[in-house]
Amino acid sequence: QDAGTRLTPALGLVIMPLKIALNTKAPAVIVLALQILQLMITKDKTGTVGQALVPYYRQLLPIMNLFKSKRTSTFDMFDYGQRKNKDIGQLIH
């Protein structure tokens, strides 16, 4: 059974904790919340989770909009946070 068919009915229960986590504005918590959201969407092969998230965009996107330009600028050095998927700006884009 696909992950999307199991996740879609429970999505309403997951959105509020995700919103609370994003509202903390703590970088470590935001990264974890975005990784969970990304994992839910990528594991769904049918696309039902993405479609089911549409009504919740108004709750999640304004918070993400605050952090979309927050990228680590290292110029000529390598940022290991990008490799470990811990850069907030990179996760949002």
N, C-alpha and C. Protein backbone atom coordinates (compact mmCIF):
# COMPACT_ATOMS: atom_id res chain seq x y z
N GLN A 1 0.85 -1.18 0.00
CA GLN A 1 0.00 0.00 0.00
C GLN A 1 0.90 1.25 0.00
N ASP A 2 0.50 2.22 -0.77
CA ASP A 2 1.29 3.45 -0.92
C ASP A 2 1.19 4.31 0.34
N ALA A 3 2.27 5.03 0.62
CA ALA A 3 2.31 5.91 1.80
C ALA A 3 1.26 7.01 1.70
N GLY A 4 0.96 7.46 0.51
CA GLY A 4 -0.01 8.54 0.33
C GLY A 4 -1.41 8.15 0.77
N THR A 5 -1.80 6.92 0.51
CA THR A 5 -3.14 6.49 0.90
C THR A 5 -3.27 6.35 2.41
N ARG A 6 -2.16 6.10 3.09
CA ARG A 6 -2.19 6.02 4.55
C ARG A 6 -2.05 7.40 5.20
N LEU A 7 -1.30 8.29 4.55
CA LEU A 7 -1.04 9.61 5.13
C LEU A 7 -2.18 10.60 4.92
N THR A 8 -2.83 10.53 3.81
CA THR A 8 -3.84 11.53 3.46
C THR A 8 -4.95 11.65 4.51
N PRO A 9 -5.51 10.55 5.03
CA PRO A 9 -6.56 10.72 6.04
C PRO A 9 -6.04 11.35 7.34
N ALA A 10 -4.78 11.17 7.66
CA ALA A 10 -4.22 11.70 8.91
C ALA A 10 -3.59 13.07 8.74
N LEU A 11 -3.65 13.63 7.56
CA LEU A 11 -2.98 14.90 7.29
C LEU A 11 -3.53 16.04 8.13
N GLY A 12 -4.81 16.04 8.37
CA GLY A 12 -5.42 17.09 9.20
C GLY A 12 -4.87 17.10 10.62
N LEU A 13 -4.48 15.94 11.11
CA LEU A 13 -3.91 15.84 12.45
C LEU A 13 -2.45 16.27 12.50
N VAL A 14 -1.79 16.24 11.36
CA VAL A 14 -0.35 16.54 11.30
C VAL A 14 -0.11 18.03 11.06
N ILE A 15 -1.02 18.71 10.43
CA ILE A 15 -0.80 20.09 10.03
C ILE A 15 -0.63 21.02 11.23
N MET A 16 -1.46 20.89 12.24
CA MET A 16 -1.37 21.79 13.39
C MET A 16 -0.03 21.66 14.12
N PRO A 17 0.47 20.46 14.41
CA PRO A 17 1.80 20.36 15.02
C PRO A 17 2.90 20.92 14.12
N LEU A 18 2.77 20.74 12.80
CA LEU A 18 3.75 21.32 11.88
C LEU A 18 3.71 22.84 11.94
N LYS A 19 2.53 23.40 11.99
CA LYS A 19 2.38 24.86 12.07
C LYS A 19 2.98 25.39 13.37
N ILE A 20 2.72 24.70 14.47
CA ILE A 20 3.28 25.10 15.76
C ILE A 20 4.81 25.02 15.72
N ALA A 21 5.34 23.96 15.12
CA ALA A 21 6.80 23.81 15.01
C ALA A 21 7.40 24.93 14.17
N LEU A 22 6.76 25.29 13.08
CA LEU A 22 7.27 26.36 12.23
C LEU A 22 7.17 27.71 12.93
N ASN A 23 6.15 27.90 13.75
CA ASN A 23 5.97 29.17 14.46
C ASN A 23 6.97 29.38 15.59
N THR A 24 7.68 28.35 16.00
CA THR A 24 8.68 28.52 17.05
C THR A 24 9.83 29.40 16.57
N LYS A 25 10.07 29.39 15.27
CA LYS A 25 11.14 30.16 14.64
C LYS A 25 12.53 29.75 15.13
N ALA A 26 12.61 28.59 15.73
CA ALA A 26 13.89 28.01 16.13
C ALA A 26 14.43 27.23 14.94
N PRO A 27 15.63 27.56 14.45
CA PRO A 27 16.14 26.92 13.23
C PRO A 27 16.14 25.39 13.27
N ALA A 28 16.53 24.79 14.37
CA ALA A 28 16.58 23.33 14.44
C ALA A 28 15.18 22.72 14.33
N VAL A 29 14.20 23.35 14.94
CA VAL A 29 12.82 22.86 14.90
C VAL A 29 12.23 23.05 13.50
N ILE A 30 12.51 24.18 12.88
CA ILE A 30 12.01 24.45 11.53
C ILE A 30 12.59 23.45 10.54
N VAL A 31 13.88 23.18 10.65
CA VAL A 31 14.52 22.22 9.74
C VAL A 31 13.86 20.85 9.89
N LEU A 32 13.62 20.42 11.11
CA LEU A 32 12.98 19.13 11.33
C LEU A 32 11.56 19.09 10.77
N ALA A 33 10.81 20.15 10.98
CA ALA A 33 9.43 20.21 10.45
C ALA A 33 9.43 20.19 8.92
N LEU A 34 10.35 20.92 8.31
CA LEU A 34 10.42 20.93 6.84
C LEU A 34 10.87 19.59 6.28
N GLN A 35 11.76 18.92 6.99
CA GLN A 35 12.20 17.60 6.54
C GLN A 35 11.07 16.59 6.64
N ILE A 36 10.26 16.69 7.67
CA ILE A 36 9.10 15.80 7.80
C ILE A 36 8.10 16.05 6.68
N LEU A 37 7.84 17.32 6.40
CA LEU A 37 6.93 17.68 5.32
C LEU A 37 7.46 17.18 3.97
N GLN A 38 8.75 17.36 3.77
CA GLN A 38 9.38 16.91 2.53
C GLN A 38 9.32 15.39 2.41
N LEU A 39 9.53 14.68 3.50
CA LEU A 39 9.48 13.22 3.49
C LEU A 39 8.07 12.72 3.17
N MET A 40 7.05 13.37 3.74
CA MET A 40 5.67 12.97 3.46
C MET A 40 5.35 13.12 1.98
N ILE A 41 5.83 14.19 1.38
CA ILE A 41 5.51 14.45 -0.03
C ILE A 41 6.30 13.52 -0.95
N THR A 42 7.56 13.28 -0.64
CA THR A 42 8.39 12.46 -1.54
C THR A 42 8.06 10.97 -1.45
N LYS A 43 7.57 10.50 -0.33
CA LYS A 43 7.24 9.08 -0.19
C LYS A 43 5.91 8.73 -0.84
N ASP A 44 5.12 9.73 -1.16
CA ASP A 44 3.82 9.51 -1.79
C ASP A 44 4.02 9.40 -3.29
N LYS A 45 3.78 8.24 -3.83
CA LYS A 45 3.98 8.02 -5.26
C LYS A 45 2.77 8.43 -6.09
N THR A 46 1.60 8.54 -5.47
CA THR A 46 0.39 8.86 -6.22
C THR A 46 0.10 10.36 -6.28
N GLY A 47 0.73 11.15 -5.42
CA GLY A 47 0.51 12.59 -5.43
C GLY A 47 -0.67 13.04 -4.60
N THR A 48 -1.26 12.14 -3.83
CA THR A 48 -2.44 12.51 -3.06
C THR A 48 -2.10 13.40 -1.87
N VAL A 49 -0.91 13.25 -1.29
CA VAL A 49 -0.53 14.09 -0.16
C VAL A 49 -0.36 15.54 -0.61
N GLY A 50 0.27 15.73 -1.76
CA GLY A 50 0.44 17.08 -2.29
C GLY A 50 -0.90 17.75 -2.55
N GLN A 51 -1.83 17.01 -3.11
CA GLN A 51 -3.16 17.56 -3.36
C GLN A 51 -3.91 17.83 -2.07
N ALA A 52 -3.72 16.97 -1.08
CA ALA A 52 -4.41 17.14 0.20
C ALA A 52 -3.83 18.31 1.00
N LEU A 53 -2.59 18.72 0.69
CA LEU A 53 -1.97 19.84 1.38
C LEU A 53 -2.46 21.21 0.89
N VAL A 54 -3.07 21.26 -0.26
CA VAL A 54 -3.49 22.54 -0.85
C VAL A 54 -4.36 23.37 0.09
N PRO A 55 -5.35 22.81 0.77
CA PRO A 55 -6.15 23.64 1.68
C PRO A 55 -5.36 24.21 2.86
N TYR A 56 -4.21 23.63 3.15
CA TYR A 56 -3.41 24.07 4.30
C TYR A 56 -2.30 25.04 3.91
N TYR A 57 -2.18 25.38 2.65
CA TYR A 57 -1.13 26.30 2.20
C TYR A 57 -1.20 27.64 2.92
N ARG A 58 -2.40 28.12 3.16
CA ARG A 58 -2.56 29.44 3.80
C ARG A 58 -2.04 29.43 5.24
N GLN A 59 -1.95 28.27 5.84
CA GLN A 59 -1.43 28.17 7.19
C GLN A 59 0.08 28.00 7.22
N LEU A 60 0.63 27.30 6.23
CA LEU A 60 2.05 26.97 6.25
C LEU A 60 2.94 27.93 5.46
N LEU A 61 2.47 28.42 4.35
CA LEU A 61 3.32 29.23 3.48
C LEU A 61 3.75 30.58 4.06
N PRO A 62 2.90 31.31 4.80
CA PRO A 62 3.39 32.59 5.35
C PRO A 62 4.60 32.42 6.28
N ILE A 63 4.62 31.35 7.03
CA ILE A 63 5.75 31.10 7.93
C ILE A 63 6.99 30.77 7.11
N MET A 64 6.82 29.97 6.08
CA MET A 64 7.96 29.62 5.22
C MET A 64 8.48 30.84 4.47
N ASN A 65 7.59 31.75 4.14
CA ASN A 65 7.97 32.95 3.41
C ASN A 65 8.98 33.79 4.21
N LEU A 66 8.87 33.76 5.52
CA LEU A 66 9.81 34.50 6.37
C LEU A 66 11.24 33.97 6.26
N PHE A 67 11.37 32.69 5.97
CA PHE A 67 12.68 32.05 5.99
C PHE A 67 13.21 31.67 4.61
N LYS A 68 12.46 31.96 3.55
CA LYS A 68 12.90 31.51 2.23
C LYS A 68 14.19 32.17 1.78
N SER A 69 14.46 33.38 2.26
CA SER A 69 15.70 34.05 1.86
C SER A 69 16.84 33.80 2.83
N LYS A 70 16.59 33.00 3.86
CA LYS A 70 17.63 32.71 4.85
C LYS A 70 18.49 31.55 4.35
N ARG A 71 19.52 31.89 3.63
CA ARG A 71 20.46 30.91 3.12
C ARG A 71 21.83 31.20 3.69
N THR A 72 22.58 30.16 3.90
CA THR A 72 23.92 30.32 4.42
C THR A 72 24.84 30.70 3.27
N SER A 73 25.52 31.82 3.41
CA SER A 73 26.43 32.29 2.38
C SER A 73 27.86 32.07 2.86
N THR A 74 28.57 31.17 2.19
CA THR A 74 29.94 30.88 2.59
C THR A 74 30.94 31.30 1.52
N PHE A 75 30.47 31.85 0.43
CA PHE A 75 31.29 32.29 -0.69
C PHE A 75 32.15 31.14 -1.21
N ASP A 76 33.43 31.05 -0.83
CA ASP A 76 34.29 30.04 -1.42
C ASP A 76 34.48 28.82 -0.52
N MET A 77 33.83 28.79 0.63
CA MET A 77 33.97 27.64 1.52
C MET A 77 32.76 26.73 1.37
N PHE A 78 32.91 25.51 1.84
CA PHE A 78 31.83 24.53 1.74
C PHE A 78 31.02 24.54 3.03
N ASP A 79 29.70 24.58 2.90
CA ASP A 79 28.82 24.56 4.05
C ASP A 79 28.30 23.14 4.23
N TYR A 80 28.66 22.50 5.31
CA TYR A 80 28.26 21.12 5.54
C TYR A 80 26.77 21.01 5.89
N GLY A 81 26.17 22.11 6.32
CA GLY A 81 24.73 22.10 6.60
C GLY A 81 23.91 21.86 5.34
N GLN A 82 24.39 22.35 4.20
CA GLN A 82 23.68 22.12 2.94
C GLN A 82 23.71 20.65 2.56
N ARG A 83 24.87 20.03 2.79
CA ARG A 83 25.00 18.62 2.44
C ARG A 83 24.12 17.76 3.33
N LYS A 84 23.98 18.15 4.58
CA LYS A 84 23.17 17.38 5.52
C LYS A 84 21.71 17.81 5.50
N ASN A 85 21.35 18.67 4.55
CA ASN A 85 19.98 19.13 4.37
C ASN A 85 19.47 19.88 5.60
N LYS A 86 20.32 20.78 6.14
CA LYS A 86 19.95 21.54 7.33
C LYS A 86 19.94 23.04 7.08
N ASP A 87 19.95 23.47 5.83
CA ASP A 87 19.87 24.87 5.49
C ASP A 87 18.40 25.21 5.23
N ILE A 88 17.83 26.09 6.04
CA ILE A 88 16.39 26.39 5.97
C ILE A 88 15.99 26.92 4.60
N GLY A 89 16.76 27.86 4.07
CA GLY A 89 16.45 28.42 2.76
C GLY A 89 16.48 27.37 1.66
N GLN A 90 17.41 26.46 1.74
CA GLN A 90 17.53 25.39 0.75
C GLN A 90 16.36 24.43 0.86
N LEU A 91 15.92 24.13 2.06
CA LEU A 91 14.78 23.23 2.24
C LEU A 91 13.48 23.82 1.71
N ILE A 92 13.31 25.13 1.88
CA ILE A 92 12.08 25.77 1.41
C ILE A 92 12.06 25.84 -0.11
N HIS A 93 13.19 26.12 -0.73
CA HIS A 93 13.22 26.19 -2.19
C HIS A 93 13.25 24.81 -2.73
